[in-house]
PDB file of N, CA and C in Angstrom:
ATOM      1  N   MET A   1     111.906 100.736  86.821  1.00  0.00           N
ATOM      2  CA  MET A   1     112.608  99.162  87.570  1.00  0.00           C
ATOM      3  C   MET A   1     111.806  98.467  86.213  1.00  0.00           C
ATOM      4  N   ASN A   2     112.604  97.874  85.761  1.00  0.00           N
ATOM      5  CA  ASN A   2     112.402  96.551  84.746  1.00  0.00           C
ATOM      6  C   ASN A   2     112.232  94.968  85.443  1.00  0.00           C
ATOM      7  N   PHE A   3     111.300  94.546  85.423  1.00  0.00           N
ATOM      8  CA  PHE A   3     111.486  93.320  86.223  1.00  0.00           C
ATOM      9  C   PHE A   3     111.068  91.830  84.490  1.00  0.00           C
ATOM     10  N   ASP A   4     111.397  90.864  84.925  1.00  0.00           N
ATOM     11  CA  ASP A   4     111.621  90.301  83.927  1.00  0.00           C
ATOM     12  C   ASP A   4     110.411  88.985  84.091  1.00  0.00           C
ATOM     13  N   THR A   5     110.040  88.595  85.562  1.00  0.00           N
ATOM     14  CA  THR A   5     109.056  88.291  85.691  1.00  0.00           C
ATOM     15  C   THR A   5     108.073  88.509  87.144  1.00  0.00           C
ATOM     16  N   ILE A   6     107.062  87.820  87.121  1.00  0.00           N
ATOM     17  CA  ILE A   6     106.095  88.586  88.331  1.00  0.00           C
ATOM     18  C   ILE A   6     106.922  87.982  89.848  1.00  0.00           C
ATOM     19  N   THR A   7     107.424  86.493  89.622  1.00  0.00           N
ATOM     20  CA  THR A   7     108.219  86.186  91.371  1.00  0.00           C
ATOM     21  C   THR A   7     109.294  87.635  91.184  1.00  0.00           C
ATOM     22  N   GLY A   8     110.126  87.411  90.213  1.00  0.00           N
ATOM     23  CA  GLY A   8     111.355  88.940  90.418  1.00  0.00           C
ATOM     24  C   GLY A   8     110.392  89.746  91.020  1.00  0.00           C
ATOM     25  N   TYR A   9     109.672  90.602  90.636  1.00  0.00           N
ATOM     26  CA  TYR A   9     108.767  91.806  91.138  1.00  0.00           C
ATOM     27  C   TYR A   9     108.631  91.286  92.783  1.00  0.00           C
ATOM     28  N   PHE A  10     107.921  89.999  93.251  1.00  0.00           N
ATOM     29  CA  PHE A  10     107.323  90.095  94.526  1.00  0.00           C
ATOM     30  C   PHE A  10     108.694  89.907  95.145  1.00  0.00           C
ATOM     31  N   TYR A  11     110.033  89.004  95.139  1.00  0.00           N
ATOM     32  CA  TYR A  11     110.971  88.680  95.465  1.00  0.00           C
ATOM     33  C   TYR A  11     111.324  90.614  95.918  1.00  0.00           C
ATOM     34  N   LYS A  12     111.794  91.787  94.803  1.00  0.00           N
ATOM     35  CA  LYS A  12     112.037  92.811  95.166  1.00  0.00           C
ATOM     36  C   LYS A  12     111.479  93.521  96.268  1.00  0.00           C
ATOM     37  N   VAL A  13     110.060  93.564  96.222  1.00  0.00           N
ATOM     38  CA  VAL A  13     108.833  93.736  97.053  1.00  0.00           C
ATOM     39  C   VAL A  13     109.305  93.512  98.877  1.00  0.00           C
ATOM     40  N   TYR A  14     109.483  91.808  98.685  1.00  0.00           N
ATOM     41  CA  TYR A  14     109.333  91.594 100.081  1.00  0.00           C
ATOM     42  C   TYR A  14     110.737  91.626 100.369  1.00  0.00           C
ATOM     43  N   ASN A  15     111.513  91.801  99.730  1.00  0.00           N
ATOM     44  CA  ASN A  15     113.567  92.054 100.150  1.00  0.00           C
ATOM     45  C   ASN A  15     112.777  93.938 100.796  1.00  0.00           C
ATOM     46  N   ILE A  16     112.260  94.926 100.166  1.00  0.00           N
ATOM     47  CA  ILE A  16     112.258  95.976 100.239  1.00  0.00           C
ATOM     48  C   ILE A  16     111.263  96.370 101.381  1.00  0.00           C
ATOM     49  N   CYS A  17     110.521  95.353 101.671  1.00  0.00           N
ATOM     50  CA  CYS A  17     109.344  95.723 103.107  1.00  0.00           C
ATOM     51  C   CYS A  17     110.487  94.697 104.235  1.00  0.00           C
ATOM     52  N   TYR A  18     111.282  93.614 104.109  1.00  0.00           N
ATOM     53  CA  TYR A  18     111.656  93.085 105.457  1.00  0.00           C
ATOM     54  C   TYR A  18     112.830  94.565 105.541  1.00  0.00           C
ATOM     55  N   PHE A  19     113.733  94.707 104.627  1.00  0.00           N
ATOM     56  CA  PHE A  19     114.645  95.742 105.257  1.00  0.00           C
ATOM     57  C   PHE A  19     113.768  97.101 105.882  1.00  0.00           C
ATOM     58  N   MET A  20     113.070  97.124 104.894  1.00  0.00           N
ATOM     59  CA  MET A  20     111.837  98.297 106.312  1.00  0.00           C
ATOM     60  C   MET A  20     111.781  98.369 107.780  1.00  0.00           C
ATOM     61  N   ALA A  21     111.359  96.810 107.687  1.00  0.00           N
ATOM     62  CA  ALA A  21     110.751  96.334 109.098  1.00  0.00           C
ATOM     63  C   ALA A  21     111.918  95.739 110.048  1.00  0.00           C
ATOM     64  N   LEU A  22     113.384  95.823 109.536  1.00  0.00           N
ATOM     65  CA  LEU A  22     114.186  95.279 110.509  1.00  0.00           C
ATOM     66  C   LEU A  22     115.334  96.043 111.014  1.00  0.00           C
ATOM     67  N   VAL A  23     115.378  97.709 110.032  1.00  0.00           N
ATOM     68  CA  VAL A  23     116.073  98.904 110.360  1.00  0.00           C
ATOM     69  C   VAL A  23     115.245  99.382 111.928  1.00  0.00           C
ATOM     70  N   PRO A  24     114.068  99.710 111.260  1.00  0.00           N
ATOM     71  CA  PRO A  24     113.180  99.978 112.961  1.00  0.00           C
ATOM     72  C   PRO A  24     113.612  99.534 113.983  1.00  0.00           C
ATOM     73  N   MET A  25     113.428  98.036 113.807  1.00  0.00           N
ATOM     74  CA  MET A  25     113.676  97.367 115.039  1.00  0.00           C
ATOM     75  C   MET A  25     115.077  97.255 115.512  1.00  0.00           C
ATOM     76  N   GLY A  26     115.875  97.255 114.883  1.00  0.00           N
ATOM     77  CA  GLY A  26     117.285  97.575 115.618  1.00  0.00           C
ATOM     78  C   GLY A  26     118.076  98.593 115.623  1.00  0.00           C
ATOM     79  N   ILE A  27     117.252  99.992 115.200  1.00  0.00           N
ATOM     80  CA  ILE A  27     116.782 100.841 116.098  1.00  0.00           C
ATOM     81  C   ILE A  27     116.711 100.935 117.302  1.00  0.00           C
ATOM     82  N   PHE A  28     115.582 100.211 117.285  1.00  0.00           N
ATOM     83  CA  PHE A  28     114.754 100.306 118.823  1.00  0.00           C
ATOM     84  C   PHE A  28     115.583  99.698 119.734  1.00  0.00           C
ATOM     85  N   ILE A  29     116.328  98.422 118.978  1.00  0.00           N
ATOM     86  CA  ILE A  29     116.857  97.811 120.126  1.00  0.00           C
ATOM     87  C   ILE A  29     118.021  98.392 120.366  1.00  0.00           C
ATOM     88  N   PHE A  30     118.802  98.860 120.030  1.00  0.00           N
ATOM     89  CA  PHE A  30     119.828  99.563 120.426  1.00  0.00           C
ATOM     90  C   PHE A  30     119.567 100.838 121.098  1.00  0.00           C
ATOM     91  N   LEU A  31     118.657 101.719 120.901  1.00  0.00           N
ATOM     92  CA  LEU A  31     118.214 102.606 122.025  1.00  0.00           C
ATOM     93  C   LEU A  31     118.145 101.817 123.393  1.00  0.00           C
ATOM     94  N   TYR A  32     117.177 100.668 123.363  1.00  0.00           N
ATOM     95  CA  TYR A  32     116.514 100.201 124.214  1.00  0.00           C
ATOM     96  C   TYR A  32     117.932 100.126 125.113  1.00  0.00           C
ATOM     97  N   ILE A  33     118.903  99.096 124.410  1.00  0.00           N
ATOM     98  CA  ILE A  33     120.182  98.537 125.359  1.00  0.00           C
ATOM     99  C   ILE A  33     120.968 100.195 125.591  1.00  0.00           C
ATOM    100  N   GLN A  34     120.440 100.980 125.298  1.00  0.00           N
ATOM    101  CA  GLN A  34     121.655 102.197 125.457  1.00  0.00           C
ATOM    102  C   GLN A  34     121.194 103.111 126.710  1.00  0.00           C
ATOM    103  N   PHE A  35     119.417 102.809 126.511  1.00  0.00           N
ATOM    104  CA  PHE A  35     119.065 103.412 127.932  1.00  0.00           C
ATOM    105  C   PHE A  35     119.223 102.865 128.879  1.00  0.00           C
ATOM    106  N   ASN A  36     119.460 101.204 129.046  1.00  0.00           N
ATOM    107  CA  ASN A  36     118.813 100.581 130.002  1.00  0.00           C
ATOM    108  C   ASN A  36     120.691 100.425 130.676  1.00  0.00           C
ATOM    109  N   THR A  37     121.676 100.700 129.961  1.00  0.00           N
ATOM    110  CA  THR A  37     123.047 101.055 130.750  1.00  0.00           C
ATOM    111  C   THR A  37     123.403 102.085 130.705  1.00  0.00           C
ATOM    112  N   GLU A  38     122.719 103.254 130.212  1.00  0.00           N
ATOM    113  CA  GLU A  38     122.369 104.895 131.025  1.00  0.00           C
ATOM    114  C   GLU A  38     123.636 105.353 130.159  1.00  0.00           C
ATOM    115  N   LYS A  39     124.378 104.761 129.029  1.00  0.00           N
ATOM    116  CA  LYS A  39     125.102 105.314 128.511  1.00  0.00           C
ATOM    117  C   LYS A  39     124.928 106.499 127.376  1.00  0.00           C
ATOM    118  N   LEU A  40     123.747 106.754 127.475  1.00  0.00           N
ATOM    119  CA  LEU A  40     123.596 107.513 126.354  1.00  0.00           C
ATOM    120  C   LEU A  40     123.671 109.040 126.821  1.00  0.00           C
ATOM    121  N   PRO A  41     124.188 110.396 125.857  1.00  0.00           N
ATOM    122  CA  PRO A  41     124.886 111.364 126.141  1.00  0.00           C
ATOM    123  C   PRO A  41     123.567 112.051 125.647  1.00  0.00           C
ATOM    124  N   LEU A  42     122.734 112.246 126.841  1.00  0.00           N
ATOM    125  CA  LEU A  42     121.651 113.031 126.179  1.00  0.00           C
ATOM    126  C   LEU A  42     120.922 114.141 127.858  1.00  0.00           C
TER     127      LEU A  42
END
């Protein structure tokens, strides 16, 4: 990965960290709703 500036590097790192924080939260919220409505076939 080539970066022109330091800000470009930190922008990329920030986006990756933001994505890695949102995905597990989204999965957790989805499973929480599914378990509360008891529609998850387990």
